[in-house]
Amino acid sequence: MTTDSAGGPPPGQPPMQSRPKSASERLRPQAGTPPPLRRSRRSRSQFVIFMNFVMSCIVFATLAAGAVYYYGKVQFEGRGPSTTAQTVLIRPNTGVGEIASTLEREGVITDARVFRYGLRVYDRDAILRAGEYEVPAGASMYEIAELLKSGRSVQRALTIPEGFTVHRAFERIAAMEGLEGDMPSELPPEGSIAADTINFTRGMNRQELIDRLSANQQRMIETAWEGRAEDLPIETVEEFVTLASIVERETGQAEERPHVASVFINRLRQGMRLQSDPTFLYGIFGGEGKPSDRPIYRSDIESDTPYNTYRINGLPPGPIAIPGRASLEAVANPIETDDLYFVADGTGGHAFAQTLDEHNRNVARWRQIERERREAGAAATEEDPVAAGEVVED
């Protein structure tokens, strides 16, 4: 049989049939065909499948946690949103969550949750202190946390000057910005709060501040009273404070107060009236004080009040002002003199005298100074000390 050039059967003839394979040949693998793979028991184990899933979750969680940590770190340490410095008040007994919310509400941090978590990461034992804080512009959450931990809060100051009455001190406390709470319905006794400067943070209660001033004054009075000279003509601590308040109102110079105190001590020992102008003025005007534009008349010096030491013997029934430490110590330990009089000398101090004649000469010099001042267009001010025993003209 012939075939064509391509090796196939001649045209018009059926294709050649292949020889049948034996049974062994059919079972033998064909060349180039890989045998079927057997699945391992391990690959079919449910435990391995579960562990693969767990490992995948761990890897994913680790990557996610890393991303969250990086984001939180950038937010916690990065520049804050505030463009100007501003104050933030953290009240006492405020928790970290509420503090974080306050900072976010005030616009100094962007996210309260980041602040809380950042604080836990950086310092689990951090204690944020109450107070009023000035947060710099652009401060990071980390810097704000350090500020609140330090307690370097903004300090405000309230000053009660020596010689103020309790009434005037309460007016200043009531008007002081940054304090909270109502004022007491009644004034405490005259002279019972300290002439002092109290530092406080915004939000302090007014009653708490008054209690501090009262406690300070009580300690100061007790200390001065315990260290007093033995031969003072003063029997009680109340009389002691009363005389110290008179000394306080008679002179504004601390170094002069022991000398002024000696004049009043000498008068008490000799049974002379104190004749102190601030006492009868207190009897007329009380703790509100004399209006600055109101002159003093002869009728004032003759006023019939328990505080008029031109008319009563000894001390008035109570203090006329708040005595400071210098006045309390001056009365407790006055210098030894024989002086019974004093009058302003025109320099802010006083001229002292043992006799009435000498005192009258000092008064004449003082009145000449006053006339010269009036002629020069500079009237004497209310703060000019007044004389003990000086006669006041209409």
Protein backbone atom coordinates (compact mmCIF):
# COMPACT_ATOMS: atom_id res chain seq x y z
CA MET A 1 0.00 0.00 0.00
CA THR A 2 1.21 3.39 -0.85
CA THR A 3 0.88 6.60 1.11
CA ASP A 4 1.07 10.21 0.23
CA SER A 5 4.03 12.34 0.98
CA ALA A 6 2.56 13.48 4.31
CA GLY A 7 2.61 9.93 5.64
CA GLY A 8 -1.17 9.49 5.72
CA PRO A 9 -3.23 6.90 3.81
CA PRO A 10 -3.71 7.39 0.09
CA PRO A 11 -6.60 9.49 -0.95
CA GLY A 12 -9.84 7.64 -0.97
CA GLN A 13 -8.73 4.98 1.54
CA PRO A 14 -9.80 4.76 5.24
CA PRO A 15 -7.26 5.64 7.92
CA MET A 16 -5.07 2.90 9.31
CA GLN A 17 -6.29 1.34 12.59
CA SER A 18 -3.79 1.26 15.50
CA ARG A 19 -2.85 -2.04 17.08
CA PRO A 20 -4.86 -2.86 20.20
CA LYS A 21 -2.95 -2.41 23.52
CA SER A 22 -2.51 -5.21 25.95
CA ALA A 23 -3.79 -4.95 29.51
CA SER A 24 -0.32 -4.26 30.91
CA GLU A 25 0.23 -1.51 28.37
CA ARG A 26 -2.99 0.18 29.27
CA LEU A 27 -2.04 0.25 32.96
CA ARG A 28 1.38 1.65 32.26
CA PRO A 29 1.54 5.51 32.61
CA GLN A 30 1.79 7.44 29.42
CA ALA A 31 5.05 9.16 28.81
CA GLY A 32 4.97 12.83 29.95
CA THR A 33 1.86 12.48 32.17
CA PRO A 34 2.67 13.15 35.91
CA PRO A 35 1.18 10.75 38.43
CA PRO A 36 -1.64 12.17 40.64
CA LEU A 37 -0.49 13.88 43.87
CA ARG A 38 -1.49 12.49 47.24
CA ARG A 39 -2.83 15.14 49.77
CA SER A 40 -0.90 15.05 53.00
CA ARG A 41 -2.75 14.39 56.21
CA ARG A 42 -1.31 17.63 57.67
CA SER A 43 -2.77 19.72 54.85
CA ARG A 44 -6.12 18.18 55.52
CA SER A 45 -5.92 18.89 59.33
CA GLN A 46 -8.52 21.38 60.68
CA PHE A 47 -6.05 22.46 63.37
CA VAL A 48 -3.54 23.59 60.78
CA ILE A 49 -6.23 25.51 58.96
CA PHE A 50 -7.25 27.22 62.23
CA MET A 51 -3.64 28.08 63.09
CA ASN A 52 -3.11 29.57 59.68
CA PHE A 53 -6.17 31.74 60.28
CA VAL A 54 -4.93 32.76 63.71
CA MET A 55 -1.52 33.70 62.43
CA SER A 56 -3.09 35.74 59.67
CA CYS A 57 -5.22 37.55 62.24
CA ILE A 58 -2.20 38.20 64.44
CA VAL A 59 -0.25 39.63 61.57
CA PHE A 60 -3.16 41.80 60.55
CA ALA A 61 -3.79 42.95 64.13
CA THR A 62 -0.11 43.74 64.60
CA LEU A 63 -0.04 45.83 61.46
CA ALA A 64 -3.26 47.59 62.47
CA ALA A 65 -1.98 48.23 66.01
CA GLY A 66 1.24 49.60 64.62
CA ALA A 67 -0.66 51.93 62.34
CA VAL A 68 -2.91 53.08 65.19
CA TYR A 69 0.07 53.57 67.50
CA TYR A 70 1.92 55.59 64.88
CA TYR A 71 -1.16 57.72 64.23
CA GLY A 72 -1.71 58.28 67.94
CA LYS A 73 1.94 59.14 68.53
CA VAL A 74 1.90 61.67 65.72
CA GLN A 75 -1.31 63.21 67.08
CA PHE A 76 -0.12 63.20 70.73
CA GLU A 77 3.28 64.72 70.02
CA GLY A 78 2.35 66.89 67.04
CA ARG A 79 1.50 70.57 67.05
CA GLY A 80 -1.86 71.39 68.60
CA PRO A 81 -4.75 73.23 66.94
CA SER A 82 -4.68 76.44 68.98
CA THR A 83 -3.28 79.48 67.19
CA THR A 84 -3.10 81.73 70.27
CA ALA A 85 -2.28 81.17 73.92
CA GLN A 86 -5.37 80.60 76.05
CA THR A 87 -6.26 79.69 79.60
CA VAL A 88 -8.01 76.49 80.60
CA LEU A 89 -9.58 75.85 84.00
CA ILE A 90 -9.30 72.36 85.50
CA ARG A 91 -11.55 72.13 88.53
CA PRO A 92 -10.68 70.07 91.61
CA ASN A 93 -11.64 66.38 91.66
CA THR A 94 -11.96 66.22 87.87
CA GLY A 95 -11.22 62.86 86.22
CA VAL A 96 -8.93 62.34 83.25
CA GLY A 97 -11.86 61.71 80.91
CA GLU A 98 -13.55 64.96 81.85
CA ILE A 99 -10.25 66.84 81.61
CA ALA A 100 -9.71 65.49 78.11
CA SER A 101 -13.23 66.53 77.10
CA THR A 102 -12.64 70.01 78.51
CA LEU A 103 -9.40 70.40 76.56
CA GLU A 104 -11.11 69.31 73.35
CA ARG A 105 -14.06 71.64 74.01
CA GLU A 106 -11.69 74.56 74.62
CA GLY A 107 -9.97 73.84 71.30
CA VAL A 108 -6.47 73.11 72.59
CA ILE A 109 -6.47 69.43 71.55
CA THR A 110 -8.06 67.72 68.55
CA ASP A 111 -9.20 64.41 70.05
CA ALA A 112 -10.03 63.62 73.68
CA ARG A 113 -9.60 59.88 73.11
CA VAL A 114 -6.07 60.30 71.76
CA PHE A 115 -5.21 62.42 74.80
CA ARG A 116 -6.54 59.78 77.22
CA TYR A 117 -4.78 56.88 75.50
CA GLY A 118 -1.59 58.85 75.04
CA LEU A 119 -1.53 59.66 78.73
CA ARG A 120 -1.87 55.96 79.55
CA VAL A 121 0.94 55.01 77.21
CA TYR A 122 3.36 57.72 78.30
CA ASP A 123 2.63 57.76 82.02
CA ARG A 124 0.11 55.41 83.59
CA ASP A 125 0.58 57.01 87.03
CA ALA A 126 0.17 60.61 85.88
CA ILE A 127 -1.75 62.93 88.19
CA LEU A 128 -3.26 65.95 86.48
CA ARG A 129 -3.56 68.80 88.96
CA ALA A 130 -6.45 71.22 89.24
CA GLY A 131 -5.87 74.88 88.43
CA GLU A 132 -6.01 77.52 85.74
CA TYR A 133 -3.37 76.92 83.08
CA GLU A 134 -2.09 79.08 80.26
CA VAL A 135 -1.65 76.80 77.25
CA PRO A 136 0.82 78.17 74.66
CA ALA A 137 -0.25 78.46 71.05
CA GLY A 138 0.23 75.19 69.17
CA ALA A 139 1.08 73.20 72.31
CA SER A 140 1.04 69.44 71.70
CA MET A 141 -1.01 67.03 73.77
CA TYR A 142 2.24 65.81 75.34
CA GLU A 143 3.22 69.35 76.35
CA ILE A 144 -0.26 70.02 77.76
CA ALA A 145 -0.14 66.79 79.77
CA GLU A 146 3.26 67.80 81.20
CA LEU A 147 1.87 71.24 82.09
CA LEU A 148 -1.11 69.77 83.93
CA LYS A 149 1.13 67.30 85.75
CA SER A 150 3.47 70.07 86.91
CA GLY A 151 0.76 72.10 88.63
CA ARG A 152 2.23 75.37 87.27
CA SER A 153 -1.16 77.03 87.13
CA VAL A 154 -1.90 80.72 86.62
CA GLN A 155 -1.84 82.47 89.98
CA ARG A 156 -4.13 85.40 90.68
CA ALA A 157 -3.59 87.70 93.65
CA LEU A 158 -6.00 89.46 95.99
CA THR A 159 -4.53 92.12 98.27
CA ILE A 160 -6.25 93.46 101.37
CA PRO A 161 -4.26 96.57 102.42
CA GLU A 162 -3.45 97.28 106.04
CA GLY A 163 -5.92 99.76 107.50
CA PHE A 164 -8.86 98.57 105.39
CA THR A 165 -12.07 97.91 107.23
CA VAL A 166 -13.76 94.51 106.93
CA HIS A 167 -16.52 96.23 104.93
CA ARG A 168 -14.06 97.52 102.33
CA ALA A 169 -12.23 94.19 102.25
CA PHE A 170 -15.49 92.37 101.52
CA GLU A 171 -16.25 94.80 98.72
CA ARG A 172 -12.91 93.94 97.14
CA ILE A 173 -13.43 90.19 97.57
CA ALA A 174 -16.93 90.38 96.07
CA ALA A 175 -15.64 92.27 93.01
CA MET A 176 -12.54 90.10 92.49
CA GLU A 177 -12.55 88.39 89.10
CA GLY A 178 -11.83 84.67 89.20
CA LEU A 179 -13.48 83.97 92.55
CA GLU A 180 -16.75 82.06 92.73
CA GLY A 181 -19.51 81.60 95.27
CA ASP A 182 -21.64 83.96 97.30
CA MET A 183 -20.39 86.31 99.98
CA PRO A 184 -21.40 85.64 103.60
CA SER A 185 -24.66 87.25 104.60
CA GLU A 186 -23.03 88.95 107.62
CA LEU A 187 -19.72 90.70 108.12
CA PRO A 188 -17.29 89.16 110.60
CA PRO A 189 -16.03 91.32 113.49
CA GLU A 190 -13.92 94.34 112.56
CA GLY A 191 -10.23 93.55 112.33
CA SER A 192 -10.75 89.78 112.25
CA ILE A 193 -9.40 89.12 108.75
CA ALA A 194 -5.81 89.58 107.68
CA ALA A 195 -4.37 92.45 105.71
CA ASP A 196 -2.57 90.17 103.33
CA THR A 197 -2.03 89.09 99.72
CA ILE A 198 -3.66 85.78 98.86
CA ASN A 199 -2.66 83.90 95.72
CA PHE A 200 -5.39 81.76 94.23
CA THR A 201 -6.46 80.04 91.05
CA ARG A 202 -9.61 80.84 89.13
CA GLY A 203 -12.61 79.05 90.55
CA MET A 204 -11.67 79.40 94.24
CA ASN A 205 -14.69 79.86 96.50
CA ARG A 206 -15.01 83.25 98.18
CA GLN A 207 -15.91 81.72 101.53
CA GLU A 208 -12.75 79.59 101.39
CA LEU A 209 -10.64 82.69 100.77
CA ILE A 210 -12.29 84.54 103.65
CA ASP A 211 -11.67 81.57 105.92
CA ARG A 212 -7.99 81.65 104.98
CA LEU A 213 -7.75 85.37 105.74
CA SER A 214 -9.49 84.85 109.08
CA ALA A 215 -7.17 81.98 110.03
CA ASN A 216 -4.09 83.99 109.05
CA GLN A 217 -5.19 86.95 111.14
CA GLN A 218 -5.97 84.78 114.14
CA ARG A 219 -2.51 83.20 114.05
CA MET A 220 -0.83 86.58 113.68
CA ILE A 221 -2.78 88.08 116.60
CA GLU A 222 -2.03 85.11 118.86
CA THR A 223 1.68 85.23 118.04
CA ALA A 224 1.97 88.97 118.75
CA TRP A 225 -0.14 88.72 121.92
CA GLU A 226 1.97 85.89 123.33
CA GLY A 227 5.16 87.91 122.77
CA ARG A 228 3.86 91.15 124.32
CA ALA A 229 5.65 93.16 127.01
CA GLU A 230 4.55 92.38 130.56
CA ASP A 231 3.61 95.87 131.76
CA LEU A 232 1.14 96.93 129.05
CA PRO A 233 -2.04 98.69 130.26
CA ILE A 234 -4.09 96.28 128.13
CA GLU A 235 -6.03 93.44 129.72
CA THR A 236 -7.52 91.43 126.86
CA VAL A 237 -6.63 90.37 123.35
CA GLU A 238 -9.68 92.31 122.10
CA GLU A 239 -8.27 95.53 123.59
CA PHE A 240 -4.90 94.65 122.06
CA VAL A 241 -6.39 94.38 118.56
CA THR A 242 -8.41 97.58 119.09
CA LEU A 243 -5.34 99.65 119.96
CA ALA A 244 -3.37 98.09 117.09
CA SER A 245 -6.12 99.16 114.69
CA ILE A 246 -5.88 102.75 115.94
CA VAL A 247 -2.10 102.73 115.45
CA GLU A 248 -2.67 101.32 111.96
CA ARG A 249 -4.97 104.19 110.99
CA GLU A 250 -2.74 106.89 112.52
CA THR A 251 0.39 106.24 110.44
CA GLY A 252 1.29 104.59 107.19
CA GLN A 253 4.98 104.21 108.04
CA ALA A 254 5.83 100.83 109.54
CA GLU A 255 9.01 102.08 111.24
CA GLU A 256 7.03 104.81 113.02
CA ARG A 257 4.35 102.57 114.49
CA PRO A 258 6.23 101.58 117.70
CA HIS A 259 6.61 105.32 118.46
CA VAL A 260 2.94 106.05 117.79
CA ALA A 261 2.01 103.04 119.94
CA SER A 262 4.14 104.40 122.78
CA VAL A 263 2.14 107.67 122.77
CA PHE A 264 -1.16 105.83 123.20
CA ILE A 265 0.32 103.47 125.80
CA ASN A 266 1.61 106.48 127.78
CA ARG A 267 -1.83 108.14 127.58
CA LEU A 268 -3.55 105.00 128.83
CA ARG A 269 -1.10 104.74 131.72
CA GLN A 270 -1.75 108.35 132.72
CA GLY A 271 -5.53 108.09 132.28
CA MET A 272 -5.56 110.57 129.39
CA ARG A 273 -8.06 110.31 126.56
CA LEU A 274 -6.57 108.97 123.35
CA GLN A 275 -8.01 111.81 121.21
CA SER A 276 -7.52 109.95 117.94
CA ASP A 277 -9.30 111.38 114.91
CA PRO A 278 -9.74 108.00 113.10
CA THR A 279 -11.81 106.75 116.04
CA PHE A 280 -14.53 109.42 115.91
CA LEU A 281 -14.58 109.16 112.12
CA TYR A 282 -15.27 105.44 112.43
CA GLY A 283 -18.03 106.20 114.91
CA ILE A 284 -19.69 108.51 112.35
CA PHE A 285 -19.12 106.67 109.08
CA GLY A 286 -18.53 103.08 110.19
CA GLY A 287 -16.71 100.58 108.02
CA GLU A 288 -17.71 102.34 104.79
CA GLY A 289 -15.37 105.21 105.67
CA LYS A 290 -15.57 108.96 105.22
CA PRO A 291 -16.20 110.07 101.63
CA SER A 292 -13.05 111.60 100.20
CA ASP A 293 -14.78 114.86 99.30
CA ARG A 294 -16.37 115.32 102.71
CA PRO A 295 -14.47 117.72 105.06
CA ILE A 296 -14.14 117.19 108.81
CA TYR A 297 -16.07 119.67 110.99
CA ARG A 298 -15.83 120.64 114.63
CA SER A 299 -19.23 119.02 115.13
CA ASP A 300 -17.66 115.69 114.09
CA ILE A 301 -15.11 115.84 116.86
CA GLU A 302 -17.94 116.48 119.30
CA SER A 303 -20.07 113.60 117.99
CA ASP A 304 -21.57 111.38 120.66
CA THR A 305 -20.56 107.85 119.64
CA PRO A 306 -18.87 105.04 121.62
CA TYR A 307 -15.88 105.40 119.29
CA ASN A 308 -15.18 109.08 119.91
CA THR A 309 -11.98 109.01 121.97
CA TYR A 310 -12.24 112.78 122.42
CA ARG A 311 -15.27 112.10 124.63
CA ILE A 312 -14.74 108.62 126.10
CA ASN A 313 -12.04 107.40 128.44
CA GLY A 314 -9.81 104.53 127.40
CA LEU A 315 -10.31 102.43 124.30
CA PRO A 316 -13.37 102.33 122.03
CA PRO A 317 -15.56 99.18 122.14
CA GLY A 318 -13.75 97.48 119.24
CA PRO A 319 -11.28 97.82 116.38
CA ILE A 320 -11.74 100.52 113.76
CA ALA A 321 -9.78 98.79 110.97
CA ILE A 322 -7.70 95.75 110.10
CA PRO A 323 -4.32 95.98 111.87
CA GLY A 324 -1.31 94.54 110.08
CA ARG A 325 1.60 92.66 111.58
CA ALA A 326 3.70 95.81 112.15
CA SER A 327 0.94 97.52 114.15
CA LEU A 328 0.25 94.40 116.23
CA GLU A 329 3.93 94.02 117.05
CA ALA A 330 4.26 97.75 117.73
CA VAL A 331 1.51 97.63 120.37
CA ALA A 332 2.87 94.39 121.81
CA ASN A 333 6.33 95.93 122.21
CA PRO A 334 6.25 99.74 121.94
CA ILE A 335 9.43 101.73 122.32
CA GLU A 336 10.05 103.49 125.62
CA THR A 337 9.28 107.23 125.36
CA ASP A 338 7.70 110.01 127.42
CA ASP A 339 5.82 111.39 124.41
CA LEU A 340 2.13 112.15 124.73
CA TYR A 341 1.44 113.97 121.44
CA PHE A 342 2.16 113.73 117.74
CA VAL A 343 1.15 115.64 114.62
CA ALA A 344 1.94 115.37 110.92
CA ASP A 345 5.26 116.93 109.97
CA GLY A 346 4.61 117.41 106.26
CA THR A 347 6.93 114.61 105.10
CA GLY A 348 4.55 111.69 105.59
CA GLY A 349 5.76 111.17 109.16
CA HIS A 350 5.01 112.79 112.52
CA ALA A 351 6.54 115.21 114.96
CA PHE A 352 6.33 113.90 118.55
CA ALA A 353 6.18 115.90 121.75
CA GLN A 354 6.22 115.32 125.51
CA THR A 355 4.45 118.53 126.50
CA LEU A 356 1.39 120.37 125.21
CA ASP A 357 3.41 123.53 124.53
CA GLU A 358 5.86 121.65 122.36
CA HIS A 359 2.97 119.93 120.64
CA ASN A 360 1.22 123.22 119.89
CA ARG A 361 4.38 124.50 118.21
CA ASN A 362 4.45 121.38 116.08
CA VAL A 363 0.80 121.91 115.20
CA ALA A 364 1.51 125.52 114.20
CA ARG A 365 4.29 124.37 111.88
CA TRP A 366 1.98 121.78 110.33
CA ARG A 367 -0.73 124.38 109.71
CA GLN A 368 1.81 126.67 108.07
CA ILE A 369 2.74 123.82 105.74
CA GLU A 370 -0.94 123.31 104.94
CA ARG A 371 -1.39 127.03 104.15
CA GLU A 372 1.61 127.00 101.86
CA ARG A 373 0.25 123.96 100.07
CA ARG A 374 -3.13 125.56 99.60
CA GLU A 375 -1.53 128.68 98.26
CA ALA A 376 0.48 126.55 95.84
CA GLY A 377 -2.72 124.83 94.73
CA ALA A 378 -1.93 121.50 96.32
CA ALA A 379 -4.50 120.77 99.01
CA ALA A 380 -3.66 118.28 101.72
CA THR A 381 -4.91 114.78 100.96
CA GLU A 382 -7.03 112.45 103.05
CA GLU A 383 -4.02 110.19 103.59
CA ASP A 384 -2.14 112.87 105.56
CA PRO A 385 -1.85 111.51 109.14
CA VAL A 386 -3.88 113.43 111.70
CA ALA A 387 -2.73 114.40 115.14
CA ALA A 388 -3.65 112.89 118.46
CA GLY A 389 -5.13 115.79 120.37
CA GLU A 390 -5.11 118.20 117.41
CA VAL A 391 -8.01 120.68 117.34
CA VAL A 392 -9.93 120.56 114.05
CA GLU A 393 -11.38 123.83 112.77
CA ASP A 394 -14.72 124.29 110.99
